[in-house]
N, C-alpha and C. Protein backbone atom coordinates (compact mmCIF):
# COMPACT_ATOMS: atom_id res chain seq x y z
N MET A 1 -38.34 14.66 -1.64
CA MET A 1 -39.27 14.57 -2.73
C MET A 1 -40.10 15.86 -2.73
N GLU A 2 -40.18 16.45 -3.88
CA GLU A 2 -40.92 17.70 -4.00
C GLU A 2 -42.30 17.48 -4.62
N ARG A 3 -42.41 16.45 -5.46
CA ARG A 3 -43.67 16.21 -6.16
C ARG A 3 -43.99 14.73 -6.20
N CYS A 4 -45.25 14.43 -6.31
CA CYS A 4 -45.71 13.04 -6.44
C CYS A 4 -45.24 12.52 -7.80
N PRO A 5 -44.61 11.34 -7.84
CA PRO A 5 -44.14 10.81 -9.12
C PRO A 5 -45.28 10.32 -10.02
N VAL A 6 -46.48 10.18 -9.48
CA VAL A 6 -47.61 9.70 -10.28
C VAL A 6 -48.35 10.84 -10.95
N CYS A 7 -48.76 11.85 -10.16
CA CYS A 7 -49.59 12.92 -10.71
C CYS A 7 -48.93 14.29 -10.71
N ASN A 8 -47.72 14.38 -10.18
CA ASN A 8 -46.93 15.61 -10.16
C ASN A 8 -47.49 16.67 -9.20
N ALA A 9 -48.33 16.26 -8.26
CA ALA A 9 -48.83 17.21 -7.26
C ALA A 9 -47.72 17.51 -6.27
N ARG A 10 -47.78 18.68 -5.64
CA ARG A 10 -46.79 19.03 -4.62
C ARG A 10 -46.85 18.03 -3.49
N TYR A 11 -45.68 17.63 -2.99
CA TYR A 11 -45.60 16.68 -1.89
C TYR A 11 -46.03 17.39 -0.61
N ALA A 12 -46.97 16.79 0.10
CA ALA A 12 -47.54 17.41 1.30
C ALA A 12 -46.98 16.82 2.58
N GLY A 13 -45.97 15.95 2.50
CA GLY A 13 -45.36 15.40 3.70
C GLY A 13 -46.05 14.18 4.24
N LYS A 14 -46.95 13.58 3.48
CA LYS A 14 -47.67 12.39 3.92
C LYS A 14 -47.26 11.19 3.10
N ARG A 15 -47.62 10.02 3.58
CA ARG A 15 -47.25 8.77 2.90
C ARG A 15 -48.20 8.43 1.75
N GLN A 16 -49.22 9.25 1.56
CA GLN A 16 -50.16 9.06 0.47
C GLN A 16 -50.38 10.42 -0.20
N CYS A 17 -50.36 10.42 -1.51
CA CYS A 17 -50.56 11.67 -2.25
C CYS A 17 -51.95 12.22 -1.96
N HIS A 18 -52.02 13.51 -1.69
CA HIS A 18 -53.32 14.11 -1.38
C HIS A 18 -54.22 14.21 -2.62
N ARG A 19 -53.64 14.21 -3.81
CA ARG A 19 -54.44 14.34 -5.02
C ARG A 19 -54.86 12.99 -5.59
N CYS A 20 -53.89 12.13 -5.89
CA CYS A 20 -54.22 10.87 -6.58
C CYS A 20 -54.30 9.66 -5.64
N LYS A 21 -53.97 9.86 -4.38
CA LYS A 21 -54.02 8.82 -3.34
C LYS A 21 -53.02 7.69 -3.58
N ALA A 22 -51.97 7.95 -4.36
CA ALA A 22 -50.92 6.95 -4.58
C ALA A 22 -50.12 6.76 -3.29
N ASP A 23 -49.75 5.52 -3.03
CA ASP A 23 -48.94 5.22 -1.85
C ASP A 23 -47.48 5.53 -2.19
N ILE A 24 -46.95 6.59 -1.59
CA ILE A 24 -45.57 7.00 -1.85
C ILE A 24 -44.70 6.81 -0.60
N GLY A 25 -45.22 6.03 0.33
CA GLY A 25 -44.51 5.79 1.58
C GLY A 25 -43.15 5.14 1.40
N MET A 26 -43.07 4.19 0.47
CA MET A 26 -41.80 3.50 0.26
C MET A 26 -40.75 4.46 -0.30
N LEU A 27 -41.17 5.37 -1.16
CA LEU A 27 -40.24 6.37 -1.71
C LEU A 27 -39.75 7.31 -0.61
N VAL A 28 -40.65 7.66 0.30
CA VAL A 28 -40.27 8.51 1.43
C VAL A 28 -39.26 7.78 2.31
N ASP A 29 -39.49 6.48 2.54
CA ASP A 29 -38.56 5.69 3.35
C ASP A 29 -37.17 5.62 2.71
N ILE A 30 -37.13 5.45 1.40
CA ILE A 30 -35.85 5.38 0.70
C ILE A 30 -35.11 6.71 0.81
N GLU A 31 -35.83 7.81 0.63
CA GLU A 31 -35.20 9.12 0.73
C GLU A 31 -34.67 9.37 2.15
N GLU A 32 -35.43 8.97 3.16
CA GLU A 32 -34.98 9.14 4.54
C GLU A 32 -33.76 8.28 4.84
N ALA A 33 -33.73 7.05 4.31
CA ALA A 33 -32.58 6.17 4.51
C ALA A 33 -31.34 6.75 3.84
N ALA A 34 -31.50 7.29 2.64
CA ALA A 34 -30.37 7.91 1.94
C ALA A 34 -29.82 9.09 2.73
N ASN A 35 -30.71 9.91 3.27
CA ASN A 35 -30.28 11.05 4.08
C ASN A 35 -29.59 10.59 5.36
N SER A 36 -30.08 9.51 5.93
CA SER A 36 -29.46 8.97 7.14
C SER A 36 -28.05 8.47 6.86
N TYR A 37 -27.86 7.80 5.73
CA TYR A 37 -26.52 7.33 5.36
C TYR A 37 -25.58 8.50 5.06
N GLN A 38 -26.12 9.57 4.52
CA GLN A 38 -25.29 10.76 4.30
C GLN A 38 -24.82 11.33 5.63
N GLU A 39 -25.71 11.39 6.60
CA GLU A 39 -25.33 11.89 7.92
C GLU A 39 -24.30 10.97 8.58
N LEU A 40 -24.47 9.65 8.42
CA LEU A 40 -23.49 8.71 8.98
C LEU A 40 -22.14 8.87 8.29
N SER A 41 -22.16 9.14 7.00
CA SER A 41 -20.92 9.35 6.26
C SER A 41 -20.20 10.60 6.77
N LEU A 42 -20.93 11.66 7.02
CA LEU A 42 -20.32 12.87 7.55
C LEU A 42 -19.80 12.65 8.97
N ALA A 43 -20.51 11.86 9.76
CA ALA A 43 -20.04 11.54 11.12
C ALA A 43 -18.74 10.73 11.05
N ALA A 44 -18.66 9.81 10.09
CA ALA A 44 -17.44 9.03 9.92
C ALA A 44 -16.28 9.93 9.47
N TYR A 45 -16.58 10.94 8.67
CA TYR A 45 -15.55 11.90 8.28
C TYR A 45 -15.01 12.63 9.50
N HIS A 46 -15.90 13.10 10.34
CA HIS A 46 -15.47 13.83 11.53
C HIS A 46 -14.70 12.93 12.50
N ALA A 47 -14.97 11.62 12.44
CA ALA A 47 -14.24 10.67 13.28
C ALA A 47 -12.98 10.17 12.57
N THR A 48 -12.67 10.70 11.41
CA THR A 48 -11.55 10.32 10.54
C THR A 48 -11.52 8.82 10.23
N ASP A 49 -12.70 8.24 10.08
CA ASP A 49 -12.83 6.85 9.67
C ASP A 49 -13.26 6.86 8.20
N TYR A 50 -12.29 7.06 7.32
CA TYR A 50 -12.58 7.27 5.91
C TYR A 50 -13.12 6.03 5.19
N PRO A 51 -12.66 4.81 5.50
CA PRO A 51 -13.29 3.65 4.86
C PRO A 51 -14.78 3.53 5.21
N LEU A 52 -15.12 3.81 6.45
CA LEU A 52 -16.53 3.78 6.85
C LEU A 52 -17.29 4.91 6.16
N MET A 53 -16.64 6.04 6.01
CA MET A 53 -17.25 7.17 5.30
C MET A 53 -17.60 6.76 3.88
N LEU A 54 -16.68 6.09 3.21
CA LEU A 54 -16.92 5.64 1.84
C LEU A 54 -18.06 4.63 1.79
N ASP A 55 -18.11 3.73 2.75
CA ASP A 55 -19.17 2.72 2.78
C ASP A 55 -20.55 3.38 2.92
N HIS A 56 -20.67 4.31 3.84
CA HIS A 56 -21.95 4.99 4.04
C HIS A 56 -22.30 5.87 2.84
N ALA A 57 -21.32 6.51 2.24
CA ALA A 57 -21.57 7.35 1.07
C ALA A 57 -22.05 6.50 -0.11
N ARG A 58 -21.47 5.32 -0.26
CA ARG A 58 -21.92 4.40 -1.32
C ARG A 58 -23.37 4.01 -1.12
N ARG A 59 -23.72 3.69 0.12
CA ARG A 59 -25.10 3.28 0.40
C ARG A 59 -26.07 4.43 0.12
N SER A 60 -25.68 5.63 0.54
CA SER A 60 -26.54 6.79 0.30
C SER A 60 -26.73 7.02 -1.20
N CYS A 61 -25.65 6.95 -1.94
CA CYS A 61 -25.70 7.21 -3.37
C CYS A 61 -26.47 6.11 -4.11
N SER A 62 -26.41 4.89 -3.61
CA SER A 62 -27.14 3.81 -4.27
C SER A 62 -28.65 3.94 -4.05
N LEU A 63 -29.04 4.55 -2.95
CA LEU A 63 -30.46 4.74 -2.69
C LEU A 63 -31.03 5.96 -3.40
N LEU A 64 -30.28 7.05 -3.40
CA LEU A 64 -30.74 8.30 -3.99
C LEU A 64 -29.54 9.06 -4.54
N LYS A 65 -29.40 9.05 -5.85
CA LYS A 65 -28.22 9.66 -6.47
C LYS A 65 -28.46 11.15 -6.69
N THR A 66 -27.99 11.93 -5.73
CA THR A 66 -28.06 13.39 -5.83
C THR A 66 -26.64 13.92 -6.03
N PRO A 67 -26.49 15.14 -6.51
CA PRO A 67 -25.14 15.70 -6.65
C PRO A 67 -24.38 15.73 -5.32
N GLU A 68 -25.09 15.99 -4.23
CA GLU A 68 -24.45 16.02 -2.92
C GLU A 68 -23.94 14.63 -2.52
N ALA A 69 -24.74 13.60 -2.79
CA ALA A 69 -24.34 12.23 -2.45
C ALA A 69 -23.14 11.80 -3.28
N VAL A 70 -23.13 12.15 -4.56
CA VAL A 70 -22.00 11.79 -5.43
C VAL A 70 -20.75 12.54 -4.99
N TRP A 71 -20.90 13.81 -4.64
CA TRP A 71 -19.75 14.61 -4.18
C TRP A 71 -19.18 14.03 -2.89
N LEU A 72 -20.04 13.63 -1.97
CA LEU A 72 -19.58 13.04 -0.72
C LEU A 72 -18.84 11.72 -0.98
N MET A 73 -19.36 10.95 -1.90
CA MET A 73 -18.71 9.68 -2.25
C MET A 73 -17.36 9.93 -2.92
N ALA A 74 -17.27 10.95 -3.76
CA ALA A 74 -16.00 11.30 -4.40
C ALA A 74 -14.97 11.74 -3.36
N CYS A 75 -15.40 12.54 -2.40
CA CYS A 75 -14.48 12.97 -1.33
C CYS A 75 -14.01 11.77 -0.51
N ALA A 76 -14.93 10.87 -0.20
CA ALA A 76 -14.56 9.67 0.57
C ALA A 76 -13.59 8.80 -0.22
N ALA A 77 -13.82 8.68 -1.53
CA ALA A 77 -12.91 7.90 -2.37
C ALA A 77 -11.53 8.53 -2.38
N PHE A 78 -11.46 9.84 -2.46
CA PHE A 78 -10.18 10.54 -2.44
C PHE A 78 -9.46 10.30 -1.11
N LEU A 79 -10.19 10.39 -0.01
CA LEU A 79 -9.57 10.22 1.31
C LEU A 79 -9.10 8.79 1.57
N THR A 80 -9.70 7.83 0.86
CA THR A 80 -9.26 6.43 1.00
C THR A 80 -8.28 6.05 -0.11
N ARG A 81 -7.78 7.06 -0.82
CA ARG A 81 -6.77 6.89 -1.86
C ARG A 81 -7.28 6.08 -3.05
N ARG A 82 -8.58 6.15 -3.31
CA ARG A 82 -9.18 5.53 -4.49
C ARG A 82 -9.33 6.63 -5.54
N PHE A 83 -8.19 7.10 -6.05
CA PHE A 83 -8.17 8.27 -6.91
C PHE A 83 -8.91 8.06 -8.23
N ASP A 84 -8.86 6.84 -8.79
CA ASP A 84 -9.58 6.57 -10.03
C ASP A 84 -11.08 6.74 -9.82
N MET A 85 -11.60 6.22 -8.71
CA MET A 85 -13.01 6.35 -8.39
C MET A 85 -13.37 7.81 -8.13
N ALA A 86 -12.51 8.51 -7.41
CA ALA A 86 -12.77 9.91 -7.08
C ALA A 86 -12.85 10.76 -8.34
N MET A 87 -11.95 10.56 -9.28
CA MET A 87 -11.97 11.34 -10.50
C MET A 87 -13.19 10.99 -11.38
N ARG A 88 -13.53 9.72 -11.45
CA ARG A 88 -14.68 9.30 -12.23
C ARG A 88 -15.97 9.92 -11.66
N LEU A 89 -16.07 9.90 -10.34
CA LEU A 89 -17.25 10.50 -9.70
C LEU A 89 -17.26 12.01 -9.86
N ARG A 90 -16.11 12.62 -9.70
CA ARG A 90 -16.01 14.08 -9.83
C ARG A 90 -16.40 14.52 -11.24
N ASN A 91 -15.97 13.77 -12.24
CA ASN A 91 -16.30 14.10 -13.61
C ASN A 91 -17.77 13.87 -13.92
N SER A 92 -18.41 12.98 -13.19
CA SER A 92 -19.84 12.72 -13.43
C SER A 92 -20.73 13.82 -12.88
N ILE A 93 -20.18 14.63 -11.96
CA ILE A 93 -20.95 15.72 -11.37
C ILE A 93 -21.03 16.89 -12.33
N SER A 94 -19.95 17.17 -13.02
CA SER A 94 -19.88 18.35 -13.90
C SER A 94 -20.83 18.28 -15.06
C-alpha cells in the first residue's frame, strides 16, 4: 500500500494513518497475507508441486489482484495443464 485509502496520505508503515487516523491495519494484514501466498506459490514452483502452486497463487490473487499475482496464477494454470484458465488470465493482464 502506497497511500491511505481514506485521505490519500503517503503510507508511513503504521496500522493507523498518520494524517486522518483511519485504522488501516486490516488492509495491511490482507496485503501481507497476499504476499505470503505469493512466496508460498513460488516455493511450490521450486519444489515442482504445480497443483499447490496454483492453489497458493489463487489465494494470493483473491486477496490482492496485482499483475504479478495474475501472472503467477497464469503460469501455475499452464503448468497444471489448465490451458483455458492460463489463456484467460494471460489475456486479462494485457
